[in-house]
Amino acid sequence: MEARHLRYALALAEHQHFGRAATSLGIAQPPLSTQIAALEREVGERLFDRTSRGVFPTAAGEAFLARARSALAEMNRARVDASRAARGETGRLRIGFIGSALLQPLPGVLGRFRRTHPDVRLALQELDSPTSAAALLAGELDVAVGRGGPRGAGAENLIIVPIGADHLVAVASKAHPFAGRRSVDVEQLVQEPLIASADAASSYLRPLFEQAPDALDGAAMARDVHTIAGLAACCAGVGLGPDRMRLIARDDIWFCDVTPRFRLPDLQMSFRATDSSPVLAAFLSVVRQNCADVGTRLDGLLARHSS
């Protein structure tokens, strides 16, 4: 039994005439009569009464037609669902990210993706860079956004694309002597209690304090940039973080550039090169639209991994 047999039976029930039903289906009348007879043999019941007044469903036919309508409707929904999934309009995407990415560019990217793909389930987790990288390599995430790219076994199978550059800034309370200054130097910073993320303090900030290697040992450790800013506002110390931290809207803190200018590892987006998920492809399309210069780099990396 095929879908066309169900359509033939429904058309015959609607038009109550083999000739008119065949015309509506775009086929000749004899093949329609043959197919209906074959359907009745397969079902094992007479589905239609052929009378001089027309062709009418029997009780068995009415029961069959009710199921036929439901089956065709389900088949149509299945086609629609398959098409939507193939376009990345349904499914799930697991993203791990560091907190500073929520200042820029994730709000624009995630907001646009939510609007254009409302039926995709986003599983979002704030994770430090090493943790999100490990989760991506373990297959527990589809996308990782962190400071610097993932390293270690399996990293060669990832596509890692920069999505934002940062330099280091200091943040202090408005009551702090640094307030009102455009910049502070490293020599001044080492005289202050410091606040930094554990990720930054353990990795990329160390070279800045090579002349004062103990400067970060007593630093307050914060999970994200908002905590750094909040602790600075409480006069717990001078916070260190990316310049995108200036986007935090608070009137009780002051930002200063750090001299000499110290560039931080780029904000990077990583995903598996072998991931052919339409949902990931749809997400990358939104990233291209929202992040300047990412599209060209991303297309080059994808081409390199596919060759």
C-alpha atoms as a PDB file:
ATOM      1  CA  MET A   1       0.000   0.000   0.000  1.00  0.00           C
ATOM      2  CA  GLU A   2       1.434   3.353  -1.049  1.00  0.00           C
ATOM      3  CA  ALA A   3       0.520   6.955  -0.340  1.00  0.00           C
ATOM      4  CA  ARG A   4      -0.940   7.297  -3.824  1.00  0.00           C
ATOM      5  CA  HIS A   5      -3.481   4.575  -3.025  1.00  0.00           C
ATOM      6  CA  LEU A   6      -4.668   6.615  -0.057  1.00  0.00           C
ATOM      7  CA  ARG A   7      -4.962   9.719  -2.222  1.00  0.00           C
ATOM      8  CA  TYR A   8      -6.907   7.753  -4.848  1.00  0.00           C
ATOM      9  CA  ALA A   9      -9.397   6.507  -2.242  1.00  0.00           C
ATOM     10  CA  LEU A  10      -9.866   9.985  -0.768  1.00  0.00           C
ATOM     11  CA  ALA A  11     -10.402  11.524  -4.199  1.00  0.00           C
ATOM     12  CA  LEU A  12     -13.003   8.880  -5.076  1.00  0.00           C
ATOM     13  CA  ALA A  13     -14.818   9.462  -1.787  1.00  0.00           C
ATOM     14  CA  GLU A  14     -14.856  13.207  -2.456  1.00  0.00           C
ATOM     15  CA  HIS A  15     -16.091  13.091  -6.075  1.00  0.00           C
ATOM     16  CA  GLN A  16     -18.243   9.930  -5.746  1.00  0.00           C
ATOM     17  CA  HIS A  17     -17.474   9.171  -9.402  1.00  0.00           C
ATOM     18  CA  PHE A  18     -14.523   7.363 -10.999  1.00  0.00           C
ATOM     19  CA  GLY A  19     -14.339   9.719 -13.968  1.00  0.00           C
ATOM     20  CA  ARG A  20     -14.396  12.931 -11.945  1.00  0.00           C
ATOM     21  CA  ALA A  21     -11.956  11.511  -9.368  1.00  0.00           C
ATOM     22  CA  ALA A  22      -9.556  10.436 -12.122  1.00  0.00           C
ATOM     23  CA  THR A  23      -9.684  13.916 -13.672  1.00  0.00           C
ATOM     24  CA  SER A  24      -8.902  15.553 -10.324  1.00  0.00           C
ATOM     25  CA  LEU A  25      -5.927  13.223  -9.904  1.00  0.00           C
ATOM     26  CA  GLY A  26      -4.664  13.771 -13.447  1.00  0.00           C
ATOM     27  CA  ILE A  27      -4.899  10.115 -14.440  1.00  0.00           C
ATOM     28  CA  ALA A  28      -7.180   8.063 -16.695  1.00  0.00           C
ATOM     29  CA  GLN A  29     -10.275   6.364 -15.285  1.00  0.00           C
ATOM     30  CA  PRO A  30      -9.283   2.725 -15.972  1.00  0.00           C
ATOM     31  CA  PRO A  31      -6.044   2.874 -13.954  1.00  0.00           C
ATOM     32  CA  LEU A  32      -7.951   4.466 -11.059  1.00  0.00           C
ATOM     33  CA  SER A  33     -10.562   1.682 -11.117  1.00  0.00           C
ATOM     34  CA  THR A  34      -7.785  -0.908 -11.216  1.00  0.00           C
ATOM     35  CA  GLN A  35      -5.911   0.666  -8.301  1.00  0.00           C
ATOM     36  CA  ILE A  36      -9.043   0.943  -6.120  1.00  0.00           C
ATOM     37  CA  ALA A  37      -9.881  -2.702  -6.791  1.00  0.00           C
ATOM     38  CA  ALA A  38      -6.283  -3.695  -5.897  1.00  0.00           C
ATOM     39  CA  LEU A  39      -6.520  -1.648  -2.704  1.00  0.00           C
ATOM     40  CA  GLU A  40      -9.730  -3.413  -1.707  1.00  0.00           C
ATOM     41  CA  ARG A  41      -8.087  -6.791  -2.285  1.00  0.00           C
ATOM     42  CA  GLU A  42      -5.113  -5.776  -0.129  1.00  0.00           C
ATOM     43  CA  VAL A  43      -7.342  -4.482   2.682  1.00  0.00           C
ATOM     44  CA  GLY A  44      -9.585  -7.517   2.381  1.00  0.00           C
ATOM     45  CA  GLU A  45     -12.782  -5.478   2.484  1.00  0.00           C
ATOM     46  CA  ARG A  46     -15.045  -3.723  -0.021  1.00  0.00           C
ATOM     47  CA  LEU A  47     -14.364  -0.021   0.515  1.00  0.00           C
ATOM     48  CA  PHE A  48     -16.832   1.455  -1.985  1.00  0.00           C
ATOM     49  CA  ASP A  49     -20.321   0.659  -3.202  1.00  0.00           C
ATOM     50  CA  ARG A  50     -20.617   1.165  -6.962  1.00  0.00           C
ATOM     51  CA  THR A  51     -24.209   2.262  -7.710  1.00  0.00           C
ATOM     52  CA  SER A  52     -26.018   3.920 -10.581  1.00  0.00           C
ATOM     53  CA  ARG A  53     -26.162   7.105  -8.481  1.00  0.00           C
ATOM     54  CA  GLY A  54     -22.436   7.167  -7.812  1.00  0.00           C
ATOM     55  CA  VAL A  55     -19.636   5.578  -5.817  1.00  0.00           C
ATOM     56  CA  PHE A  56     -19.965   5.735  -2.004  1.00  0.00           C
ATOM     57  CA  PRO A  57     -17.775   4.527   0.861  1.00  0.00           C
ATOM     58  CA  THR A  58     -18.960   1.484   2.758  1.00  0.00           C
ATOM     59  CA  ALA A  59     -18.713   1.323   6.557  1.00  0.00           C
ATOM     60  CA  ALA A  60     -15.301  -0.302   6.099  1.00  0.00           C
ATOM     61  CA  GLY A  61     -14.446   2.416   3.606  1.00  0.00           C
ATOM     62  CA  GLU A  62     -15.358   5.213   6.038  1.00  0.00           C
ATOM     63  CA  ALA A  63     -13.099   3.696   8.693  1.00  0.00           C
ATOM     64  CA  PHE A  64     -10.306   3.285   6.168  1.00  0.00           C
ATOM     65  CA  LEU A  65     -10.640   6.848   4.868  1.00  0.00           C
ATOM     66  CA  ALA A  66     -10.433   8.334   8.366  1.00  0.00           C
ATOM     67  CA  ARG A  67      -7.095   6.594   8.892  1.00  0.00           C
ATOM     68  CA  ALA A  68      -5.984   7.488   5.371  1.00  0.00           C
ATOM     69  CA  ARG A  69      -6.531  11.210   6.049  1.00  0.00           C
ATOM     70  CA  SER A  70      -4.503  10.980   9.264  1.00  0.00           C
ATOM     71  CA  ALA A  71      -1.739   8.994   7.566  1.00  0.00           C
ATOM     72  CA  LEU A  72      -1.390  11.475   4.714  1.00  0.00           C
ATOM     73  CA  ALA A  73      -1.409  14.376   7.157  1.00  0.00           C
ATOM     74  CA  GLU A  74       1.372  12.691   9.180  1.00  0.00           C
ATOM     75  CA  MET A  75       3.352  12.025   6.017  1.00  0.00           C
ATOM     76  CA  ASN A  76       3.057  15.676   5.057  1.00  0.00           C
ATOM     77  CA  ARG A  77       4.168  16.756   8.520  1.00  0.00           C
ATOM     78  CA  ALA A  78       7.100  14.339   8.250  1.00  0.00           C
ATOM     79  CA  ARG A  79       8.175  15.959   4.974  1.00  0.00           C
ATOM     80  CA  VAL A  80       7.885  19.419   6.497  1.00  0.00           C
ATOM     81  CA  ASP A  81       9.830  18.380   9.600  1.00  0.00           C
ATOM     82  CA  ALA A  82      12.551  16.796   7.481  1.00  0.00           C
ATOM     83  CA  SER A  83      12.865  19.930   5.352  1.00  0.00           C
ATOM     84  CA  ARG A  84      13.063  22.180   8.412  1.00  0.00           C
ATOM     85  CA  ALA A  85      15.695  19.982  10.023  1.00  0.00           C
ATOM     86  CA  ALA A  86      17.722  19.993   6.798  1.00  0.00           C
ATOM     87  CA  ARG A  87      17.628  23.806   6.834  1.00  0.00           C
ATOM     88  CA  GLY A  88      18.755  23.938  10.463  1.00  0.00           C
ATOM     89  CA  GLU A  89      15.410  25.281  11.682  1.00  0.00           C
ATOM     90  CA  THR A  90      14.969  22.573  14.332  1.00  0.00           C
ATOM     91  CA  GLY A  91      17.340  20.578  16.505  1.00  0.00           C
ATOM     92  CA  ARG A  92      19.748  21.411  19.328  1.00  0.00           C
ATOM     93  CA  LEU A  93      22.950  23.432  19.608  1.00  0.00           C
ATOM     94  CA  ARG A  94      25.212  23.228  22.684  1.00  0.00           C
ATOM     95  CA  ILE A  95      27.380  26.296  23.255  1.00  0.00           C
ATOM     96  CA  GLY A  96      29.965  26.920  25.967  1.00  0.00           C
ATOM     97  CA  PHE A  97      31.260  30.468  26.418  1.00  0.00           C
ATOM     98  CA  ILE A  98      33.243  32.752  28.690  1.00  0.00           C
ATOM     99  CA  GLY A  99      31.407  35.573  30.423  1.00  0.00           C
ATOM    100  CA  SER A 100      33.104  38.417  28.532  1.00  0.00           C
ATOM    101  CA  ALA A 101      31.684  37.044  25.263  1.00  0.00           C
ATOM    102  CA  LEU A 102      28.260  38.038  26.608  1.00  0.00           C
ATOM    103  CA  LEU A 103      29.344  41.659  26.375  1.00  0.00           C
ATOM    104  CA  GLN A 104      30.261  41.262  22.724  1.00  0.00           C
ATOM    105  CA  PRO A 105      29.604  39.548  20.285  1.00  0.00           C
ATOM    106  CA  LEU A 106      27.243  36.895  21.702  1.00  0.00           C
ATOM    107  CA  PRO A 107      24.255  39.168  22.460  1.00  0.00           C
ATOM    108  CA  GLY A 108      23.896  40.108  18.798  1.00  0.00           C
ATOM    109  CA  VAL A 109      24.610  36.596  17.533  1.00  0.00           C
ATOM    110  CA  LEU A 110      22.343  34.743  19.952  1.00  0.00           C
ATOM    111  CA  GLY A 111      19.575  37.332  19.695  1.00  0.00           C
ATOM    112  CA  ARG A 112      19.512  37.105  15.919  1.00  0.00           C
ATOM    113  CA  PHE A 113      19.706  33.318  15.963  1.00  0.00           C
ATOM    114  CA  ARG A 114      16.798  33.140  18.402  1.00  0.00           C
ATOM    115  CA  ARG A 115      14.689  35.364  16.155  1.00  0.00           C
ATOM    116  CA  THR A 116      15.461  33.477  12.950  1.00  0.00           C
ATOM    117  CA  HIS A 117      15.519  29.942  14.417  1.00  0.00           C
ATOM    118  CA  PRO A 118      13.008  29.975  17.296  1.00  0.00           C
ATOM    119  CA  ASP A 119      12.516  26.191  17.270  1.00  0.00           C
ATOM    120  CA  VAL A 120      16.194  25.322  17.760  1.00  0.00           C
ATOM    121  CA  ARG A 121      16.921  24.353  21.375  1.00  0.00           C
ATOM    122  CA  LEU A 122      19.969  26.248  22.617  1.00  0.00           C
ATOM    123  CA  ALA A 123      21.873  24.644  25.495  1.00  0.00           C
ATOM    124  CA  LEU A 124      24.032  27.480  26.852  1.00  0.00           C
ATOM    125  CA  GLN A 125      26.730  27.118  29.511  1.00  0.00           C
ATOM    126  CA  GLU A 126      29.092  29.722  30.923  1.00  0.00           C
ATOM    127  CA  LEU A 127      32.448  27.963  31.231  1.00  0.00           C
ATOM    128  CA  ASP A 128      36.045  29.088  31.493  1.00  0.00           C
ATOM    129  CA  SER A 129      38.117  28.652  28.350  1.00  0.00           C
ATOM    130  CA  PRO A 130      39.927  25.416  29.308  1.00  0.00           C
ATOM    131  CA  THR A 131      36.694  23.755  30.468  1.00  0.00           C
ATOM    132  CA  SER A 132      34.738  24.647  27.328  1.00  0.00           C
ATOM    133  CA  ALA A 133      37.653  23.515  25.150  1.00  0.00           C
ATOM    134  CA  ALA A 134      37.781  20.159  26.946  1.00  0.00           C
ATOM    135  CA  ALA A 135      33.995  19.756  26.633  1.00  0.00           C
ATOM    136  CA  LEU A 136      34.165  20.467  22.896  1.00  0.00           C
ATOM    137  CA  LEU A 137      36.955  17.930  22.392  1.00  0.00           C
ATOM    138  CA  ALA A 138      34.947  15.388  24.406  1.00  0.00           C
ATOM    139  CA  GLY A 139      31.873  15.898  22.202  1.00  0.00           C
ATOM    140  CA  GLU A 140      29.856  17.493  25.000  1.00  0.00           C
ATOM    141  CA  LEU A 141      29.586  20.858  23.205  1.00  0.00           C
ATOM    142  CA  ASP A 142      29.009  21.835  19.583  1.00  0.00           C
ATOM    143  CA  VAL A 143      30.590  25.298  19.845  1.00  0.00           C
ATOM    144  CA  ALA A 144      33.091  26.740  22.309  1.00  0.00           C
ATOM    145  CA  VAL A 145      33.793  30.455  22.662  1.00  0.00           C
ATOM    146  CA  GLY A 146      36.855  31.187  24.750  1.00  0.00           C
ATOM    147  CA  ARG A 147      40.033  33.171  25.119  1.00  0.00           C
ATOM    148  CA  GLY A 148      42.497  31.504  22.775  1.00  0.00           C
ATOM    149  CA  GLY A 149      41.911  28.267  20.909  1.00  0.00           C
ATOM    150  CA  PRO A 150      41.605  24.761  22.367  1.00  0.00           C
ATOM    151  CA  ARG A 151      44.822  22.770  22.706  1.00  0.00           C
ATOM    152  CA  GLY A 152      45.631  19.147  23.216  1.00  0.00           C
ATOM    153  CA  ALA A 153      44.747  15.853  21.617  1.00  0.00           C
ATOM    154  CA  GLY A 154      42.073  16.319  18.970  1.00  0.00           C
ATOM    155  CA  ALA A 155      42.529  20.078  18.595  1.00  0.00           C
ATOM    156  CA  GLU A 156      43.866  19.509  15.064  1.00  0.00           C
ATOM    157  CA  ASN A 157      40.356  18.341  14.124  1.00  0.00           C
ATOM    158  CA  LEU A 158      38.756  21.618  15.188  1.00  0.00           C
ATOM    159  CA  ILE A 159      38.078  24.763  13.235  1.00  0.00           C
ATOM    160  CA  ILE A 160      39.132  27.728  15.350  1.00  0.00           C
ATOM    161  CA  VAL A 161      38.269  31.220  14.147  1.00  0.00           C
ATOM    162  CA  PRO A 162      38.947  34.577  15.869  1.00  0.00           C
ATOM    163  CA  ILE A 163      35.784  36.556  16.557  1.00  0.00           C
ATOM    164  CA  GLY A 164      37.156  39.457  18.612  1.00  0.00           C
ATOM    165  CA  ALA A 165      40.395  41.123  19.722  1.00  0.00           C
ATOM    166  CA  ASP A 166      41.035  42.710  23.129  1.00  0.00           C
ATOM    167  CA  HIS A 167      43.713  44.521  25.062  1.00  0.00           C
ATOM    168  CA  LEU A 168      44.023  44.652  28.826  1.00  0.00           C
ATOM    169  CA  VAL A 169      42.330  47.345  30.906  1.00  0.00           C
ATOM    170  CA  ALA A 170      42.202  48.028  34.640  1.00  0.00           C
ATOM    171  CA  VAL A 171      38.993  48.781  36.526  1.00  0.00           C
ATOM    172  CA  ALA A 172      38.804  50.501  39.898  1.00  0.00           C
ATOM    173  CA  SER A 173      36.241  52.024  42.196  1.00  0.00           C
ATOM    174  CA  LYS A 174      35.328  55.650  41.569  1.00  0.00           C
ATOM    175  CA  ALA A 175      36.738  56.230  45.063  1.00  0.00           C
ATOM    176  CA  HIS A 176      40.130  54.798  44.092  1.00  0.00           C
ATOM    177  CA  PRO A 177      43.100  57.090  43.260  1.00  0.00           C
ATOM    178  CA  PHE A 178      43.122  55.594  39.739  1.00  0.00           C
ATOM    179  CA  ALA A 179      39.680  57.098  39.042  1.00  0.00           C
ATOM    180  CA  GLY A 180      39.929  59.884  36.489  1.00  0.00           C
ATOM    181  CA  ARG A 181      43.149  58.586  34.976  1.00  0.00           C
ATOM    182  CA  ARG A 182      43.299  57.504  31.350  1.00  0.00           C
ATOM    183  CA  SER A 183      45.996  54.893  31.965  1.00  0.00           C
ATOM    184  CA  VAL A 184      48.074  53.161  34.618  1.00  0.00           C
ATOM    185  CA  ASP A 185      51.350  51.310  34.188  1.00  0.00           C
ATOM    186  CA  VAL A 186      52.434  47.920  35.419  1.00  0.00           C
ATOM    187  CA  GLU A 187      54.610  49.407  38.156  1.00  0.00           C
ATOM    188  CA  GLN A 188      51.534  51.096  39.618  1.00  0.00           C
ATOM    189  CA  LEU A 189      49.418  47.950  39.327  1.00  0.00           C
ATOM    190  CA  VAL A 190      51.827  45.783  41.296  1.00  0.00           C
ATOM    191  CA  GLN A 191      51.383  48.120  44.266  1.00  0.00           C
ATOM    192  CA  GLU A 192      47.662  47.306  44.376  1.00  0.00           C
ATOM    193  CA  PRO A 193      45.662  44.243  45.368  1.00  0.00           C
ATOM    194  CA  LEU A 194      44.557  42.756  42.059  1.00  0.00           C
ATOM    195  CA  ILE A 195      41.413  41.022  40.819  1.00  0.00           C
ATOM    196  CA  ALA A 196      41.458  38.725  37.787  1.00  0.00           C
ATOM    197  CA  SER A 197      39.837  35.625  36.385  1.00  0.00           C
ATOM    198  CA  ALA A 198      41.538  32.380  37.339  1.00  0.00           C
ATOM    199  CA  ASP A 199      41.941  31.558  33.645  1.00  0.00           C
ATOM    200  CA  ALA A 200      43.771  34.848  32.981  1.00  0.00           C
ATOM    201  CA  ALA A 201      45.899  34.751  36.108  1.00  0.00           C
ATOM    202  CA  SER A 202      47.097  31.216  35.474  1.00  0.00           C
ATOM    203  CA  SER A 203      47.953  31.701  31.828  1.00  0.00           C
ATOM    204  CA  TYR A 204      48.193  34.825  29.728  1.00  0.00           C
ATOM    205  CA  LEU A 205      48.667  37.570  32.365  1.00  0.00           C
ATOM    206  CA  ARG A 206      51.892  36.113  33.772  1.00  0.00           C
ATOM    207  CA  PRO A 207      54.172  37.663  31.119  1.00  0.00           C
ATOM    208  CA  LEU A 208      52.895  41.148  31.993  1.00  0.00           C
ATOM    209  CA  PHE A 209      54.240  40.792  35.520  1.00  0.00           C
ATOM    210  CA  GLU A 210      57.536  39.079  34.742  1.00  0.00           C
ATOM    211  CA  GLN A 211      59.363  41.762  36.746  1.00  0.00           C
ATOM    212  CA  ALA A 212      57.053  41.166  39.708  1.00  0.00           C
ATOM    213  CA  PRO A 213      56.167  37.440  39.500  1.00  0.00           C
ATOM    214  CA  ASP A 214      54.373  37.444  42.863  1.00  0.00           C
ATOM    215  CA  ALA A 215      51.892  40.174  41.843  1.00  0.00           C
ATOM    216  CA  LEU A 216      49.153  37.718  40.858  1.00  0.00           C
ATOM    217  CA  ASP A 217      49.716  35.207  43.673  1.00  0.00           C
ATOM    218  CA  GLY A 218      47.473  37.062  46.105  1.00  0.00           C
ATOM    219  CA  ALA A 219      44.969  38.270  43.509  1.00  0.00           C
ATOM    220  CA  ALA A 220      41.261  37.797  44.142  1.00  0.00           C
ATOM    221  CA  MET A 221      39.939  35.231  41.677  1.00  0.00           C
ATOM    222  CA  ALA A 222      36.698  35.995  39.830  1.00  0.00           C
ATOM    223  CA  ARG A 223      34.641  33.805  37.505  1.00  0.00           C
ATOM    224  CA  ASP A 224      33.763  36.508  34.983  1.00  0.00           C
ATOM    225  CA  VAL A 225      34.115  40.180  34.088  1.00  0.00           C
ATOM    226  CA  HIS A 226      30.993  41.189  35.970  1.00  0.00           C
ATOM    227  CA  THR A 227      32.455  39.802  39.191  1.00  0.00           C
ATOM    228  CA  ILE A 228      35.746  41.582  38.486  1.00  0.00           C
ATOM    229  CA  ALA A 229      33.881  44.880  38.056  1.00  0.00           C
ATOM    230  CA  GLY A 230      31.739  44.260  41.146  1.00  0.00           C
ATOM    231  CA  LEU A 231      34.710  43.506  43.371  1.00  0.00           C
ATOM    232  CA  ALA A 232      36.495  46.591  42.055  1.00  0.00           C
ATOM    233  CA  ALA A 233      33.433  48.681  42.876  1.00  0.00           C
ATOM    234  CA  CYS A 234      33.634  47.305  46.442  1.00  0.00           C
ATOM    235  CA  CYS A 235      37.238  48.580  46.711  1.00  0.00           C
ATOM    236  CA  ALA A 236      38.465  44.979  46.959  1.00  0.00           C
ATOM    237  CA  GLY A 237      41.260  45.809  44.556  1.00  0.00           C
ATOM    238  CA  VAL A 238      42.005  46.804  40.970  1.00  0.00           C
ATOM    239  CA  GLY A 239      40.462  44.517  38.392  1.00  0.00           C
ATOM    240  CA  LEU A 240      42.146  43.336  35.218  1.00  0.00           C
ATOM    241  CA  GLY A 241      40.179  42.278  32.175  1.00  0.00           C
ATOM    242  CA  PRO A 242      39.491  42.749  28.454  1.00  0.00           C
ATOM    243  CA  ASP A 243      38.665  46.189  27.093  1.00  0.00           C
ATOM    244  CA  ARG A 244      35.204  44.953  26.073  1.00  0.00           C
ATOM    245  CA  MET A 245      34.579  45.077  29.853  1.00  0.00           C
ATOM    246  CA  ARG A 246      33.975  48.808  29.320  1.00  0.00           C
ATOM    247  CA  LEU A 247      30.526  47.812  28.055  1.00  0.00           C
ATOM    248  CA  ILE A 248      29.470  47.024  31.616  1.00  0.00           C
ATOM    249  CA  ALA A 249      27.035  49.763  32.567  1.00  0.00           C
ATOM    250  CA  ARG A 250      27.935  50.855  36.116  1.00  0.00           C
ATOM    251  CA  ASP A 251      28.444  54.363  37.447  1.00  0.00           C
ATOM    252  CA  ASP A 252      30.620  53.324  40.405  1.00  0.00           C
ATOM    253  CA  ILE A 253      33.672  52.076  38.485  1.00  0.00           C
ATOM    254  CA  TRP A 254      36.396  53.632  36.328  1.00  0.00           C
ATOM    255  CA  PHE A 255      38.366  52.040  33.493  1.00  0.00           C
ATOM    256  CA  CYS A 256      41.999  52.760  32.646  1.00  0.00           C
ATOM    257  CA  ASP A 257      44.187  51.492  29.850  1.00  0.00           C
ATOM    258  CA  VAL A 258      47.223  49.516  30.963  1.00  0.00           C
ATOM    259  CA  THR A 259      50.597  50.673  29.683  1.00  0.00           C
ATOM    260  CA  PRO A 260      52.455  49.343  27.916  1.00  0.00           C
ATOM    261  CA  ARG A 261      49.487  48.171  25.883  1.00  0.00           C
ATOM    262  CA  PHE A 262      49.039  44.465  26.474  1.00  0.00           C
ATOM    263  CA  ARG A 263      47.103  42.465  23.887  1.00  0.00           C
ATOM    264  CA  LEU A 264      45.097  39.546  25.205  1.00  0.00           C
ATOM    265  CA  PRO A 265      44.602  36.261  23.351  1.00  0.00           C
ATOM    266  CA  ASP A 266      41.838  36.660  20.784  1.00  0.00           C
ATOM    267  CA  LEU A 267      38.306  35.631  21.537  1.00  0.00           C
ATOM    268  CA  GLN A 268      37.962  32.428  19.515  1.00  0.00           C
ATOM    269  CA  MET A 269      35.040  30.325  18.344  1.00  0.00           C
ATOM    270  CA  SER A 270      35.760  26.623  17.906  1.00  0.00           C
ATOM    271  CA  PHE A 271      33.790  23.692  16.527  1.00  0.00           C
ATOM    272  CA  ARG A 272      34.504  20.256  15.080  1.00  0.00           C
ATOM    273  CA  ALA A 273      35.534  20.264  11.425  1.00  0.00           C
ATOM    274  CA  THR A 274      33.545  17.064  10.827  1.00  0.00           C
ATOM    275  CA  ASP A 275      30.308  18.466  12.263  1.00  0.00           C
ATOM    276  CA  SER A 276      27.877  18.587   9.332  1.00  0.00           C
ATOM    277  CA  SER A 277      24.883  19.574  11.450  1.00  0.00           C
ATOM    278  CA  PRO A 278      22.506  21.930   9.623  1.00  0.00           C
ATOM    279  CA  VAL A 279      21.901  23.699  12.943  1.00  0.00           C
ATOM    280  CA  LEU A 280      25.608  24.465  13.261  1.00  0.00           C
ATOM    281  CA  ALA A 281      25.676  25.676   9.650  1.00  0.00           C
ATOM    282  CA  ALA A 282      22.736  27.985  10.394  1.00  0.00           C
ATOM    283  CA  PHE A 283      24.499  29.319  13.498  1.00  0.00           C
ATOM    284  CA  LEU A 284      27.703  29.984  11.554  1.00  0.00           C
ATOM    285  CA  SER A 285      25.670  31.895   8.983  1.00  0.00           C
ATOM    286  CA  VAL A 286      24.395  34.197  11.733  1.00  0.00           C
ATOM    287  CA  VAL A 287      27.954  34.628  13.063  1.00  0.00           C
ATOM    288  CA  ARG A 288      29.039  35.705   9.573  1.00  0.00           C
ATOM    289  CA  GLN A 289      26.306  38.330   9.481  1.00  0.00           C
ATOM    290  CA  ASN A 290      27.036  39.736  12.943  1.00  0.00           C
ATOM    291  CA  CYS A 291      30.828  39.579  13.241  1.00  0.00           C
ATOM    292  CA  ALA A 292      32.824  41.741  10.846  1.00  0.00           C
ATOM    293  CA  ASP A 293      35.588  39.953   8.895  1.00  0.00           C
ATOM    294  CA  VAL A 294      34.707  36.548  10.369  1.00  0.00           C
ATOM    295  CA  GLY A 295      33.048  35.255   7.194  1.00  0.00           C
ATOM    296  CA  THR A 296      36.131  35.341   4.985  1.00  0.00           C
ATOM    297  CA  ARG A 297      38.346  33.724   7.630  1.00  0.00           C
ATOM    298  CA  LEU A 298      35.718  31.105   8.401  1.00  0.00           C
ATOM    299  CA  ASP A 299      35.196  30.168   4.749  1.00  0.00           C
ATOM    300  CA  GLY A 300      38.952  29.834   4.283  1.00  0.00           C
ATOM    301  CA  LEU A 301      39.278  27.547   7.284  1.00  0.00           C
ATOM    302  CA  LEU A 302      36.338  25.398   6.170  1.00  0.00           C
ATOM    303  CA  ALA A 303      37.813  25.070   2.681  1.00  0.00           C
ATOM    304  CA  ARG A 304      41.194  24.097   4.102  1.00  0.00           C
ATOM    305  CA  HIS A 305      39.709  21.335   6.273  1.00  0.00           C
ATOM    306  CA  SER A 306      37.550  19.963   3.445  1.00  0.00           C
ATOM    307  CA  SER A 307      40.437  19.709   0.968  1.00  0.00           C
END
